[in-house]
C-alpha atoms as a PDB file:
ATOM      1  CA  MET A   1    -194.044 -30.220 167.502  1.00  0.00           C
ATOM      2  CA  SER A   2    -196.624 -32.977 167.554  1.00  0.00           C
ATOM      3  CA  ASN A   3    -197.650 -34.634 164.348  1.00  0.00           C
ATOM      4  CA  PRO A   4    -201.031 -33.503 163.022  1.00  0.00           C
ATOM      5  CA  ASP A   5    -203.893 -35.882 163.576  1.00  0.00           C
ATOM      6  CA  ILE A   6    -204.049 -37.941 160.400  1.00  0.00           C
ATOM      7  CA  THR A   7    -207.847 -37.985 160.698  1.00  0.00           C
ATOM      8  CA  THR A   8    -208.053 -34.194 160.307  1.00  0.00           C
ATOM      9  CA  PRO A   9    -209.060 -33.223 156.729  1.00  0.00           C
ATOM     10  CA  VAL A  10    -206.418 -31.327 154.826  1.00  0.00           C
ATOM     11  CA  ARG A  11    -209.012 -29.715 152.573  1.00  0.00           C
ATOM     12  CA  ARG A  12    -212.326 -28.420 153.909  1.00  0.00           C
ATOM     13  CA  PRO A  13    -214.667 -27.489 151.034  1.00  0.00           C
ATOM     14  CA  ARG A  14    -217.237 -26.498 153.657  1.00  0.00           C
ATOM     15  CA  ARG A  15    -215.201 -23.355 154.393  1.00  0.00           C
ATOM     16  CA  LEU A  16    -216.707 -21.852 151.257  1.00  0.00           C
ATOM     17  CA  ARG A  17    -220.263 -22.701 152.314  1.00  0.00           C
ATOM     18  CA  THR A  18    -220.321 -21.064 155.734  1.00  0.00           C
ATOM     19  CA  SER A  19    -222.772 -18.233 154.932  1.00  0.00           C
ATOM     20  CA  GLN A  20    -225.030 -17.003 152.153  1.00  0.00           C
ATOM     21  CA  VAL A  21    -222.599 -14.199 151.407  1.00  0.00           C
ATOM     22  CA  MET A  22    -219.744 -16.688 151.116  1.00  0.00           C
ATOM     23  CA  ARG A  23    -221.794 -19.011 148.907  1.00  0.00           C
ATOM     24  CA  ASP A  24    -222.702 -16.111 146.640  1.00  0.00           C
ATOM     25  CA  PHE A  25    -219.063 -15.002 146.592  1.00  0.00           C
ATOM     26  CA  VAL A  26    -217.819 -18.281 145.119  1.00  0.00           C
ATOM     27  CA  ALA A  27    -220.860 -19.319 143.071  1.00  0.00           C
ATOM     28  CA  GLU A  28    -219.959 -20.635 139.629  1.00  0.00           C
ATOM     29  CA  THR A  29    -223.397 -20.130 138.078  1.00  0.00           C
ATOM     30  CA  HIS A  30    -225.558 -17.020 138.205  1.00  0.00           C
ATOM     31  CA  LEU A  31    -229.085 -16.405 136.958  1.00  0.00           C
ATOM     32  CA  ASP A  32    -229.632 -13.057 135.247  1.00  0.00           C
ATOM     33  CA  PRO A  33    -233.226 -11.936 134.555  1.00  0.00           C
ATOM     34  CA  ALA A  34    -231.956  -9.988 131.540  1.00  0.00           C
ATOM     35  CA  GLN A  35    -231.388 -13.380 129.894  1.00  0.00           C
ATOM     36  CA  PHE A  36    -234.901 -14.670 130.656  1.00  0.00           C
ATOM     37  CA  VAL A  37    -237.567 -14.881 127.967  1.00  0.00           C
ATOM     38  CA  LEU A  38    -241.239 -14.982 128.972  1.00  0.00           C
ATOM     39  CA  PRO A  39    -243.338 -17.089 126.572  1.00  0.00           C
ATOM     40  CA  ALA A  40    -246.807 -15.545 126.304  1.00  0.00           C
ATOM     41  CA  PHE A  41    -250.053 -16.253 124.468  1.00  0.00           C
ATOM     42  CA  ILE A  42    -252.404 -13.717 122.902  1.00  0.00           C
ATOM     43  CA  ALA A  43    -255.778 -15.172 121.981  1.00  0.00           C
ATOM     44  CA  GLU A  44    -258.445 -14.052 119.577  1.00  0.00           C
ATOM     45  CA  GLY A  45    -262.088 -13.844 120.645  1.00  0.00           C
ATOM     46  CA  ILE A  46    -261.686 -13.438 124.415  1.00  0.00           C
ATOM     47  CA  ASP A  47    -262.480 -10.340 126.453  1.00  0.00           C
ATOM     48  CA  ALA A  48    -260.568 -11.291 129.620  1.00  0.00           C
ATOM     49  CA  PRO A  49    -257.435 -13.331 130.309  1.00  0.00           C
ATOM     50  CA  ARG A  50    -258.189 -17.059 130.445  1.00  0.00           C
ATOM     51  CA  GLU A  51    -256.125 -19.350 132.654  1.00  0.00           C
ATOM     52  CA  ILE A  52    -254.713 -22.483 131.046  1.00  0.00           C
ATOM     53  CA  SER A  53    -255.929 -25.364 133.199  1.00  0.00           C
ATOM     54  CA  ALA A  54    -252.828 -27.510 132.695  1.00  0.00           C
ATOM     55  CA  MET A  55    -250.551 -24.543 133.473  1.00  0.00           C
ATOM     56  CA  PRO A  56    -251.917 -22.809 136.587  1.00  0.00           C
ATOM     57  CA  GLY A  57    -250.786 -19.193 136.640  1.00  0.00           C
ATOM     58  CA  VAL A  58    -250.306 -18.989 132.854  1.00  0.00           C
ATOM     59  CA  TYR A  59    -252.965 -17.298 130.712  1.00  0.00           C
ATOM     60  CA  GLN A  60    -254.210 -16.755 127.229  1.00  0.00           C
ATOM     61  CA  HIS A  61    -254.132 -12.964 127.075  1.00  0.00           C
ATOM     62  CA  THR A  62    -256.110 -10.144 125.595  1.00  0.00           C
ATOM     63  CA  GLU A  63    -254.060  -7.280 124.231  1.00  0.00           C
ATOM     64  CA  THR A  64    -254.660  -5.329 127.437  1.00  0.00           C
ATOM     65  CA  SER A  65    -253.629  -8.143 129.767  1.00  0.00           C
ATOM     66  CA  LEU A  66    -250.647  -8.976 127.549  1.00  0.00           C
ATOM     67  CA  LEU A  67    -249.327  -5.439 127.899  1.00  0.00           C
ATOM     68  CA  LYS A  68    -249.834  -5.624 131.657  1.00  0.00           C
ATOM     69  CA  ALA A  69    -247.938  -8.914 131.875  1.00  0.00           C
ATOM     70  CA  ALA A  70    -245.151  -7.455 129.752  1.00  0.00           C
ATOM     71  CA  GLU A  71    -245.000  -4.376 131.980  1.00  0.00           C
ATOM     72  CA  GLU A  72    -244.561  -6.624 135.039  1.00  0.00           C
ATOM     73  CA  ALA A  73    -241.825  -8.539 133.247  1.00  0.00           C
ATOM     74  CA  VAL A  74    -239.955  -5.378 132.298  1.00  0.00           C
ATOM     75  CA  ALA A  75    -240.232  -4.040 135.850  1.00  0.00           C
ATOM     76  CA  ALA A  76    -238.715  -7.290 137.135  1.00  0.00           C
ATOM     77  CA  GLY A  77    -235.799  -7.031 134.691  1.00  0.00           C
ATOM     78  CA  VAL A  78    -236.865  -9.717 132.195  1.00  0.00           C
ATOM     79  CA  GLY A  79    -235.131  -9.194 128.871  1.00  0.00           C
ATOM     80  CA  SER A  80    -237.593 -10.573 126.324  1.00  0.00           C
ATOM     81  CA  ILE A  81    -241.075 -11.862 125.606  1.00  0.00           C
ATOM     82  CA  ASP A  82    -241.773 -14.598 123.050  1.00  0.00           C
ATOM     83  CA  LEU A  83    -245.287 -14.255 121.693  1.00  0.00           C
ATOM     84  CA  PHE A  84    -247.542 -17.028 120.393  1.00  0.00           C
ATOM     85  CA  GLY A  85    -250.852 -16.343 118.655  1.00  0.00           C
ATOM     86  CA  VAL A  86    -254.068 -18.264 119.306  1.00  0.00           C
ATOM     87  CA  PRO A  87    -256.607 -17.646 116.521  1.00  0.00           C
ATOM     88  CA  THR A  88    -260.236 -18.697 116.668  1.00  0.00           C
ATOM     89  CA  PRO A  89    -261.060 -21.991 114.894  1.00  0.00           C
ATOM     90  CA  GLU A  90    -262.708 -20.223 111.965  1.00  0.00           C
ATOM     91  CA  HIS A  91    -259.431 -18.417 111.234  1.00  0.00           C
ATOM     92  CA  LYS A  92    -257.481 -21.647 110.836  1.00  0.00           C
ATOM     93  CA  ASP A  93    -256.962 -23.215 107.429  1.00  0.00           C
ATOM     94  CA  ALA A  94    -254.780 -25.768 105.686  1.00  0.00           C
ATOM     95  CA  SER A  95    -251.901 -23.352 105.064  1.00  0.00           C
ATOM     96  CA  GLY A  96    -252.161 -21.284 108.261  1.00  0.00           C
ATOM     97  CA  SER A  97    -252.671 -18.066 106.306  1.00  0.00           C
ATOM     98  CA  GLN A  98    -253.538 -15.988 109.379  1.00  0.00           C
ATOM     99  CA  ALA A  99    -249.933 -16.473 110.469  1.00  0.00           C
ATOM    100  CA  TRP A 100    -248.760 -13.692 108.154  1.00  0.00           C
ATOM    101  CA  ALA A 101    -251.891 -11.522 108.075  1.00  0.00           C
ATOM    102  CA  ALA A 102    -251.123  -7.987 109.210  1.00  0.00           C
ATOM    103  CA  ASP A 103    -254.351  -8.001 111.222  1.00  0.00           C
ATOM    104  CA  GLY A 104    -253.815 -11.556 112.486  1.00  0.00           C
ATOM    105  CA  ILE A 105    -253.791 -12.048 116.227  1.00  0.00           C
ATOM    106  CA  LEU A 106    -250.047 -12.704 116.498  1.00  0.00           C
ATOM    107  CA  ASN A 107    -248.912  -9.739 114.435  1.00  0.00           C
ATOM    108  CA  LYS A 108    -251.365  -7.459 116.242  1.00  0.00           C
ATOM    109  CA  GLY A 109    -249.861  -8.558 119.549  1.00  0.00           C
ATOM    110  CA  VAL A 110    -246.305  -8.043 118.301  1.00  0.00           C
ATOM    111  CA  ALA A 111    -247.184  -4.543 117.078  1.00  0.00           C
ATOM    112  CA  ALA A 112    -248.825  -3.649 120.406  1.00  0.00           C
ATOM    113  CA  LEU A 113    -245.772  -4.757 122.377  1.00  0.00           C
ATOM    114  CA  ARG A 114    -243.362  -2.855 120.144  1.00  0.00           C
ATOM    115  CA  ARG A 115    -245.458   0.329 120.324  1.00  0.00           C
ATOM    116  CA  GLU A 116    -245.644   0.121 124.099  1.00  0.00           C
ATOM    117  CA  PHE A 117    -242.063  -0.830 124.943  1.00  0.00           C
ATOM    118  CA  GLY A 118    -239.944   0.166 121.966  1.00  0.00           C
ATOM    119  CA  ASP A 119    -236.469  -1.210 122.537  1.00  0.00           C
ATOM    120  CA  ASP A 120    -236.896  -1.623 126.311  1.00  0.00           C
ATOM    121  CA  LEU A 121    -238.119  -5.195 125.787  1.00  0.00           C
ATOM    122  CA  ILE A 122    -236.941  -7.616 123.123  1.00  0.00           C
ATOM    123  CA  VAL A 123    -240.100  -8.593 121.252  1.00  0.00           C
ATOM    124  CA  MET A 124    -239.774 -12.096 119.871  1.00  0.00           C
ATOM    125  CA  ALA A 125    -242.368 -13.829 117.699  1.00  0.00           C
ATOM    126  CA  ASP A 126    -242.929 -17.536 117.223  1.00  0.00           C
ATOM    127  CA  THR A 127    -242.439 -18.261 113.533  1.00  0.00           C
ATOM    128  CA  CYS A 128    -244.397 -21.443 112.972  1.00  0.00           C
ATOM    129  CA  LEU A 129    -247.708 -22.421 111.400  1.00  0.00           C
ATOM    130  CA  ASP A 130    -248.981 -24.986 113.900  1.00  0.00           C
ATOM    131  CA  GLU A 131    -251.197 -22.579 115.828  1.00  0.00           C
ATOM    132  CA  PHE A 132    -252.774 -21.417 112.560  1.00  0.00           C
ATOM    133  CA  THR A 133    -253.326 -24.629 110.602  1.00  0.00           C
ATOM    134  CA  ASP A 134    -256.554 -26.568 110.937  1.00  0.00           C
ATOM    135  CA  HIS A 135    -254.563 -29.827 111.095  1.00  0.00           C
ATOM    136  CA  GLY A 136    -252.153 -28.553 113.749  1.00  0.00           C
ATOM    137  CA  HIS A 137    -248.931 -29.357 111.923  1.00  0.00           C
ATOM    138  CA  CYS A 138    -246.031 -26.968 111.472  1.00  0.00           C
ATOM    139  CA  GLY A 139    -246.296 -26.904 107.694  1.00  0.00           C
ATOM    140  CA  VAL A 140    -248.534 -27.649 104.756  1.00  0.00           C
ATOM    141  CA  LEU A 141    -249.483 -31.262 104.118  1.00  0.00           C
ATOM    142  CA  THR A 142    -249.025 -33.451 101.078  1.00  0.00           C
ATOM    143  CA  THR A 143    -249.271 -37.127 100.176  1.00  0.00           C
ATOM    144  CA  ASP A 144    -246.065 -39.052  99.622  1.00  0.00           C
ATOM    145  CA  ASN A 145    -245.418 -41.804  97.079  1.00  0.00           C
ATOM    146  CA  TRP A 146    -246.877 -44.423  99.392  1.00  0.00           C
ATOM    147  CA  GLY A 147    -250.088 -42.553 100.149  1.00  0.00           C
ATOM    148  CA  HIS A 148    -249.051 -41.238 103.564  1.00  0.00           C
ATOM    149  CA  THR A 149    -249.989 -37.737 104.644  1.00  0.00           C
ATOM    150  CA  VAL A 150    -246.782 -35.865 105.493  1.00  0.00           C
ATOM    151  CA  VAL A 151    -245.582 -32.304 105.995  1.00  0.00           C
ATOM    152  CA  ASP A 152    -244.182 -30.887 102.756  1.00  0.00           C
ATOM    153  CA  ASN A 153    -240.884 -29.407 103.896  1.00  0.00           C
ATOM    154  CA  ASP A 154    -240.014 -27.414 100.770  1.00  0.00           C
ATOM    155  CA  ALA A 155    -243.525 -26.087 100.168  1.00  0.00           C
ATOM    156  CA  THR A 156    -243.570 -24.826 103.761  1.00  0.00           C
ATOM    157  CA  LEU A 157    -240.367 -22.796 103.518  1.00  0.00           C
ATOM    158  CA  PRO A 158    -241.765 -19.823 101.539  1.00  0.00           C
ATOM    159  CA  LEU A 159    -244.648 -19.605 104.014  1.00  0.00           C
ATOM    160  CA  TYR A 160    -242.152 -19.312 106.871  1.00  0.00           C
ATOM    161  CA  ALA A 161    -240.344 -16.596 104.952  1.00  0.00           C
ATOM    162  CA  THR A 162    -243.596 -14.675 104.451  1.00  0.00           C
ATOM    163  CA  MET A 163    -244.509 -15.092 108.116  1.00  0.00           C
ATOM    164  CA  ALA A 164    -241.105 -13.876 109.306  1.00  0.00           C
ATOM    165  CA  VAL A 165    -241.245 -10.777 107.110  1.00  0.00           C
ATOM    166  CA  SER A 166    -244.746  -9.980 108.382  1.00  0.00           C
ATOM    167  CA  GLN A 167    -243.500 -10.277 111.969  1.00  0.00           C
ATOM    168  CA  ALA A 168    -240.585  -7.969 111.223  1.00  0.00           C
ATOM    169  CA  ARG A 169    -243.008  -5.436 109.716  1.00  0.00           C
ATOM    170  CA  ALA A 170    -245.119  -5.683 112.875  1.00  0.00           C
ATOM    171  CA  GLY A 171    -242.077  -4.787 114.959  1.00  0.00           C
ATOM    172  CA  ALA A 172    -240.449  -8.027 116.089  1.00  0.00           C
ATOM    173  CA  HIS A 173    -236.818  -7.680 117.113  1.00  0.00           C
ATOM    174  CA  VAL A 174    -236.390 -11.449 116.811  1.00  0.00           C
ATOM    175  CA  VAL A 175    -238.178 -14.137 114.799  1.00  0.00           C
ATOM    176  CA  SER A 176    -238.021 -17.653 116.183  1.00  0.00           C
ATOM    177  CA  PRO A 177    -238.671 -20.405 113.622  1.00  0.00           C
ATOM    178  CA  SER A 178    -239.718 -23.479 115.583  1.00  0.00           C
ATOM    179  CA  GLY A 179    -241.040 -25.815 112.893  1.00  0.00           C
ATOM    180  CA  MET A 180    -237.833 -27.827 112.293  1.00  0.00           C
ATOM    181  CA  MET A 181    -238.092 -27.636 108.501  1.00  0.00           C
ATOM    182  CA  ASP A 182    -234.792 -28.337 106.740  1.00  0.00           C
ATOM    183  CA  GLY A 183    -233.408 -25.117 105.286  1.00  0.00           C
ATOM    184  CA  GLN A 184    -235.759 -22.797 107.180  1.00  0.00           C
ATOM    185  CA  ILE A 185    -233.059 -20.472 108.516  1.00  0.00           C
ATOM    186  CA  ARG A 186    -231.504 -19.684 105.145  1.00  0.00           C
ATOM    187  CA  VAL A 187    -234.875 -18.998 103.543  1.00  0.00           C
ATOM    188  CA  ILE A 188    -235.957 -16.710 106.382  1.00  0.00           C
ATOM    189  CA  ARG A 189    -232.631 -14.863 106.491  1.00  0.00           C
ATOM    190  CA  ASP A 190    -232.707 -14.236 102.761  1.00  0.00           C
ATOM    191  CA  ALA A 191    -236.301 -12.991 102.916  1.00  0.00           C
ATOM    192  CA  LEU A 192    -235.651 -10.638 105.828  1.00  0.00           C
ATOM    193  CA  ASP A 193    -232.568  -9.187 104.183  1.00  0.00           C
ATOM    194  CA  ALA A 194    -234.346  -8.734 100.858  1.00  0.00           C
ATOM    195  CA  GLU A 195    -237.051  -6.679 102.593  1.00  0.00           C
ATOM    196  CA  GLY A 196    -234.586  -4.460 104.457  1.00  0.00           C
ATOM    197  CA  PHE A 197    -234.797  -6.230 107.824  1.00  0.00           C
ATOM    198  CA  GLU A 198    -231.098  -7.042 108.130  1.00  0.00           C
ATOM    199  CA  ASP A 199    -231.157  -6.134 111.830  1.00  0.00           C
ATOM    200  CA  VAL A 200    -233.962  -8.530 112.749  1.00  0.00           C
ATOM    201  CA  ALA A 201    -232.359 -11.484 114.504  1.00  0.00           C
ATOM    202  CA  ILE A 202    -233.212 -15.176 114.217  1.00  0.00           C
ATOM    203  CA  LEU A 203    -233.440 -17.473 117.220  1.00  0.00           C
ATOM    204  CA  ALA A 204    -233.473 -20.927 115.663  1.00  0.00           C
ATOM    205  CA  TYR A 205    -235.190 -23.851 117.342  1.00  0.00           C
ATOM    206  CA  SER A 206    -232.250 -25.943 116.198  1.00  0.00           C
ATOM    207  CA  ALA A 207    -232.533 -29.016 118.410  1.00  0.00           C
ATOM    208  CA  LYS A 208    -236.241 -29.496 119.049  1.00  0.00           C
ATOM    209  CA  TYR A 209    -237.267 -32.953 120.144  1.00  0.00           C
ATOM    210  CA  ALA A 210    -240.534 -34.776 119.505  1.00  0.00           C
ATOM    211  CA  GLY A 211    -240.827 -35.646 123.174  1.00  0.00           C
ATOM    212  CA  ALA A 212    -243.592 -36.050 125.737  1.00  0.00           C
ATOM    213  CA  PHE A 213    -243.431 -32.680 127.506  1.00  0.00           C
ATOM    214  CA  TYR A 214    -245.589 -30.493 125.239  1.00  0.00           C
ATOM    215  CA  GLY A 215    -249.090 -31.495 126.325  1.00  0.00           C
ATOM    216  CA  PRO A 216    -250.025 -28.389 128.342  1.00  0.00           C
ATOM    217  CA  PHE A 217    -248.742 -26.130 125.553  1.00  0.00           C
ATOM    218  CA  ARG A 218    -251.181 -27.709 123.125  1.00  0.00           C
ATOM    219  CA  GLU A 219    -254.013 -26.639 125.389  1.00  0.00           C
ATOM    220  CA  ALA A 220    -252.484 -23.166 125.596  1.00  0.00           C
ATOM    221  CA  VAL A 221    -252.564 -22.678 121.810  1.00  0.00           C
ATOM    222  CA  GLY A 222    -255.776 -24.617 121.145  1.00  0.00           C
ATOM    223  CA  SER A 223    -253.872 -27.161 119.073  1.00  0.00           C
ATOM    224  CA  THR A 224    -255.799 -29.250 116.565  1.00  0.00           C
ATOM    225  CA  LEU A 225    -252.859 -31.571 115.931  1.00  0.00           C
ATOM    226  CA  GLN A 226    -253.657 -34.745 114.063  1.00  0.00           C
ATOM    227  CA  GLY A 227    -251.018 -37.430 114.529  1.00  0.00           C
ATOM    228  CA  ASP A 228    -247.563 -36.439 115.767  1.00  0.00           C
ATOM    229  CA  ARG A 229    -244.468 -34.510 114.661  1.00  0.00           C
ATOM    230  CA  LYS A 230    -241.934 -37.320 114.719  1.00  0.00           C
ATOM    231  CA  THR A 231    -241.126 -37.029 111.011  1.00  0.00           C
ATOM    232  CA  TYR A 232    -239.725 -33.510 111.399  1.00  0.00           C
ATOM    233  CA  GLN A 233    -238.820 -33.022 115.052  1.00  0.00           C
ATOM    234  CA  GLN A 234    -235.888 -34.936 116.510  1.00  0.00           C
ATOM    235  CA  ASP A 235    -235.893 -38.428 117.953  1.00  0.00           C
ATOM    236  CA  PRO A 236    -235.295 -38.196 121.756  1.00  0.00           C
ATOM    237  CA  ARG A 237    -232.766 -41.033 121.473  1.00  0.00           C
ATOM    238  CA  ASN A 238    -230.334 -38.973 119.389  1.00  0.00           C
ATOM    239  CA  ALA A 239    -227.738 -36.448 120.534  1.00  0.00           C
ATOM    240  CA  ARG A 240    -225.166 -36.207 117.714  1.00  0.00           C
ATOM    241  CA  GLU A 241    -228.003 -35.238 115.405  1.00  0.00           C
ATOM    242  CA  SER A 242    -228.466 -32.066 117.439  1.00  0.00           C
ATOM    243  CA  ILE A 243    -224.899 -30.984 116.775  1.00  0.00           C
ATOM    244  CA  MET A 244    -225.507 -31.360 113.041  1.00  0.00           C
ATOM    245  CA  GLU A 245    -228.776 -29.386 113.263  1.00  0.00           C
ATOM    246  CA  VAL A 246    -227.084 -26.581 115.197  1.00  0.00           C
ATOM    247  CA  GLN A 247    -224.155 -26.444 112.768  1.00  0.00           C
ATOM    248  CA  LEU A 248    -226.532 -26.213 109.814  1.00  0.00           C
ATOM    249  CA  ASP A 249    -228.537 -23.400 111.396  1.00  0.00           C
ATOM    250  CA  ILE A 250    -225.426 -21.400 112.255  1.00  0.00           C
ATOM    251  CA  GLU A 251    -224.144 -21.831 108.707  1.00  0.00           C
ATOM    252  CA  GLU A 252    -227.504 -20.658 107.361  1.00  0.00           C
ATOM    253  CA  GLY A 253    -227.438 -17.462 109.425  1.00  0.00           C
ATOM    254  CA  ALA A 254    -228.975 -18.166 112.844  1.00  0.00           C
ATOM    255  CA  ASP A 255    -228.011 -15.498 115.378  1.00  0.00           C
ATOM    256  CA  MET A 256    -228.963 -17.731 118.324  1.00  0.00           C
ATOM    257  CA  VAL A 257    -229.779 -21.422 118.613  1.00  0.00           C
ATOM    258  CA  MET A 258    -232.028 -23.357 120.961  1.00  0.00           C
ATOM    259  CA  VAL A 259    -232.390 -26.741 122.620  1.00  0.00           C
ATOM    260  CA  LYS A 260    -235.987 -27.695 123.438  1.00  0.00           C
ATOM    261  CA  PRO A 261    -237.126 -29.051 125.867  1.00  0.00           C
ATOM    262  CA  ALA A 262    -234.531 -28.156 128.497  1.00  0.00           C
ATOM    263  CA  MET A 263    -234.730 -30.591 131.407  1.00  0.00           C
ATOM    264  CA  PRO A 264    -234.690 -33.964 129.591  1.00  0.00           C
ATOM    265  CA  TYR A 265    -231.926 -32.763 127.254  1.00  0.00           C
ATOM    266  CA  LEU A 266    -229.398 -31.075 129.541  1.00  0.00           C
ATOM    267  CA  ASP A 267    -226.707 -33.356 128.119  1.00  0.00           C
ATOM    268  CA  VAL A 268    -227.519 -32.117 124.627  1.00  0.00           C
ATOM    269  CA  LEU A 269    -227.579 -28.525 125.885  1.00  0.00           C
ATOM    270  CA  ARG A 270    -224.075 -28.960 127.304  1.00  0.00           C
ATOM    271  CA  GLN A 271    -222.760 -30.353 124.014  1.00  0.00           C
ATOM    272  CA  VAL A 272    -224.368 -27.551 122.023  1.00  0.00           C
ATOM    273  CA  ALA A 273    -223.009 -24.897 124.384  1.00  0.00           C
ATOM    274  CA  ASP A 274    -219.509 -26.344 124.033  1.00  0.00           C
ATOM    275  CA  MET A 275    -219.539 -26.150 120.224  1.00  0.00           C
ATOM    276  CA  SER A 276    -221.755 -23.184 119.385  1.00  0.00           C
ATOM    277  CA  THR A 277    -220.274 -19.919 118.150  1.00  0.00           C
ATOM    278  CA  VAL A 278    -223.537 -18.063 118.851  1.00  0.00           C
ATOM    279  CA  PRO A 279    -225.618 -17.664 122.045  1.00  0.00           C
ATOM    280  CA  VAL A 280    -227.482 -20.783 123.139  1.00  0.00           C
ATOM    281  CA  ALA A 281    -231.047 -20.788 124.460  1.00  0.00           C
ATOM    282  CA  ALA A 282    -233.010 -23.507 126.206  1.00  0.00           C
ATOM    283  CA  TYR A 283    -236.792 -23.683 126.579  1.00  0.00           C
ATOM    284  CA  GLN A 284    -238.221 -24.862 129.893  1.00  0.00           C
ATOM    285  CA  VAL A 285    -241.384 -26.183 128.300  1.00  0.00           C
ATOM    286  CA  SER A 286    -244.962 -26.493 129.500  1.00  0.00           C
ATOM    287  CA  GLY A 287    -244.589 -30.042 130.776  1.00  0.00           C
ATOM    288  CA  GLU A 288    -241.659 -29.039 132.964  1.00  0.00           C
ATOM    289  CA  TYR A 289    -243.684 -26.128 134.335  1.00  0.00           C
ATOM    290  CA  ALA A 290    -246.718 -28.331 134.949  1.00  0.00           C
ATOM    291  CA  MET A 291    -244.749 -31.041 136.772  1.00  0.00           C
ATOM    292  CA  ILE A 292    -243.128 -28.668 139.241  1.00  0.00           C
ATOM    293  CA  THR A 293    -246.370 -26.755 139.741  1.00  0.00           C
ATOM    294  CA  ALA A 294    -248.390 -29.913 140.394  1.00  0.00           C
ATOM    295  CA  ALA A 295    -245.818 -31.368 142.790  1.00  0.00           C
ATOM    296  CA  ALA A 296    -245.712 -28.093 144.722  1.00  0.00           C
ATOM    297  CA  GLN A 297    -249.507 -27.876 144.869  1.00  0.00           C
ATOM    298  CA  ASN A 298    -249.527 -31.365 146.388  1.00  0.00           C
ATOM    299  CA  GLY A 299    -246.972 -30.328 148.983  1.00  0.00           C
ATOM    300  CA  TRP A 300    -244.373 -32.769 147.665  1.00  0.00           C
ATOM    301  CA  ILE A 301    -241.718 -30.148 146.913  1.00  0.00           C
ATOM    302  CA  SER A 302    -241.063 -26.549 147.901  1.00  0.00           C
ATOM    303  CA  ARG A 303    -242.192 -24.455 144.956  1.00  0.00           C
ATOM    304  CA  GLU A 304    -239.906 -21.422 144.861  1.00  0.00           C
ATOM    305  CA  PRO A 305    -236.634 -23.284 145.545  1.00  0.00           C
ATOM    306  CA  ALA A 306    -237.631 -25.850 142.910  1.00  0.00           C
ATOM    307  CA  ILE A 307    -238.181 -23.098 140.347  1.00  0.00           C
ATOM    308  CA  LEU A 308    -234.744 -21.617 140.974  1.00  0.00           C
ATOM    309  CA  ASP A 309    -233.074 -25.054 141.131  1.00  0.00           C
ATOM    310  CA  SER A 310    -234.531 -25.968 137.750  1.00  0.00           C
ATOM    311  CA  LEU A 311    -233.423 -22.711 136.142  1.00  0.00           C
ATOM    312  CA  THR A 312    -229.966 -22.931 137.698  1.00  0.00           C
ATOM    313  CA  GLY A 313    -229.553 -26.432 136.263  1.00  0.00           C
ATOM    314  CA  ILE A 314    -230.409 -25.160 132.793  1.00  0.00           C
ATOM    315  CA  ARG A 315    -227.992 -22.271 133.148  1.00  0.00           C
ATOM    316  CA  ARG A 316    -225.249 -24.527 134.532  1.00  0.00           C
ATOM    317  CA  ALA A 317    -225.672 -26.891 131.581  1.00  0.00           C
ATOM    318  CA  GLY A 318    -224.721 -24.033 129.274  1.00  0.00           C
ATOM    319  CA  ALA A 319    -227.771 -21.933 128.397  1.00  0.00           C
ATOM    320  CA  ASP A 320    -227.068 -18.247 127.817  1.00  0.00           C
ATOM    321  CA  ILE A 321    -230.807 -17.582 127.413  1.00  0.00           C
ATOM    322  CA  ILE A 322    -233.689 -19.341 129.181  1.00  0.00           C
ATOM    323  CA  LEU A 323    -237.286 -19.361 127.993  1.00  0.00           C
ATOM    324  CA  THR A 324    -239.457 -20.014 131.047  1.00  0.00           C
ATOM    325  CA  TYR A 325    -243.041 -19.366 132.073  1.00  0.00           C
ATOM    326  CA  TRP A 326    -241.583 -18.332 135.434  1.00  0.00           C
ATOM    327  CA  ALA A 327    -239.489 -15.544 133.921  1.00  0.00           C
ATOM    328  CA  THR A 328    -241.178 -12.714 135.808  1.00  0.00           C
ATOM    329  CA  GLU A 329    -241.591 -14.603 139.064  1.00  0.00           C
ATOM    330  CA  ALA A 330    -238.023 -15.935 138.989  1.00  0.00           C
ATOM    331  CA  ALA A 331    -236.704 -12.443 138.325  1.00  0.00           C
ATOM    332  CA  GLN A 332    -238.656 -11.171 141.321  1.00  0.00           C
ATOM    333  CA  LEU A 333    -237.316 -14.000 143.488  1.00  0.00           C
ATOM    334  CA  LEU A 334    -233.754 -13.192 142.455  1.00  0.00           C
ATOM    335  CA  ALA A 335    -234.293  -9.540 143.328  1.00  0.00           C
END
C-alpha cells in the first residue's frame, strides 16, 4: 500500500459546510423569534404613525398603529414588545409625573396591548422617567455640595416604584427599569409584591453604558436631555463593573438582566452570560440599527444578511433575549 500524500489534509472542516442543510445541521447558534423583543414607541398628540428620520422604518405610533405593529410581530412569532411612551411637551415636568398616570400615554398603550393580546404577547414597559421629565434625565434633579446639578438617586427610587406599580396595574407582564439608579431593583420588587403583583417580572438594565449609540433613540422619544448621563450610566472603559452591577441586580430580585448596547459590548455580554443565574438580554440599540440601515441604503452592505449577522453575533455572545427594532422583520426572514 502506498503511503498517503503528506500534503492531503487529515481533517477537512469544509465537509460540514457542503450545503445549507448540512450547515443548519451542525450550527452552534440559532436565532429564535420567540426570544426577540420589539421596542416600540407610542406618542401622544399624533393622529397617524410618524417615521423617525434617524431610524427609517421605525415609527412613533398611535394606539391603532401600535396594535397593528404588535399583530404583525405576533404573527411572525416575536415573543415580546417593549413599549416606550412619548408625551407631548406640555405633559413633561421636573419629576416626570405622567410616567405613572393611569391615563398617561405609556400606561394607555400598555393597557391596549394587554387587552388585545392577553398572554399571547409579553407586554413589557420601560420603567424610566427620561421620556417624561422636562430636563430629560432618568431621575429627579438636585444640587450637590459643590453646586452641581445632579440626579438624586435616592429621591428617584420611590418614583420608579410608583411607575412600576402603575405599569403592572395597566397590564404589563414585565417592567424594565432602565435608569441605572443604585438600589432600583429592590425598591421596585418590594413595591410590586406589596401591591399583589408578585408575578410581574423585572428585566433589569443592569449593565447600561453611557456610550455614543443612543442618538436616534433620543429623536424617537423627543428627548429634552440637558447634559449627559455619565454620572449614573456606566463608563464604556469598564467591564468588571458590569459584573458587579449584574450581581447586585440579581441579589435584589431581577428576573432577567440586560447589557446595553449590544454590539460595542459583546465582550461584556459574554462575561455576563457566563456568570448570570438568570436569563440575559442584550439591546441592539438605535445607533446600531441606524448604522446598518444607512450602510445598506448606500449600497455598501447587503441589508438582510447584515441584519441576521448582527443578531447572530449577539446571540453567539450569550444573549438569551434580544431587543431589536428588526424583531418582526428578522422573524419573517428566519421563517
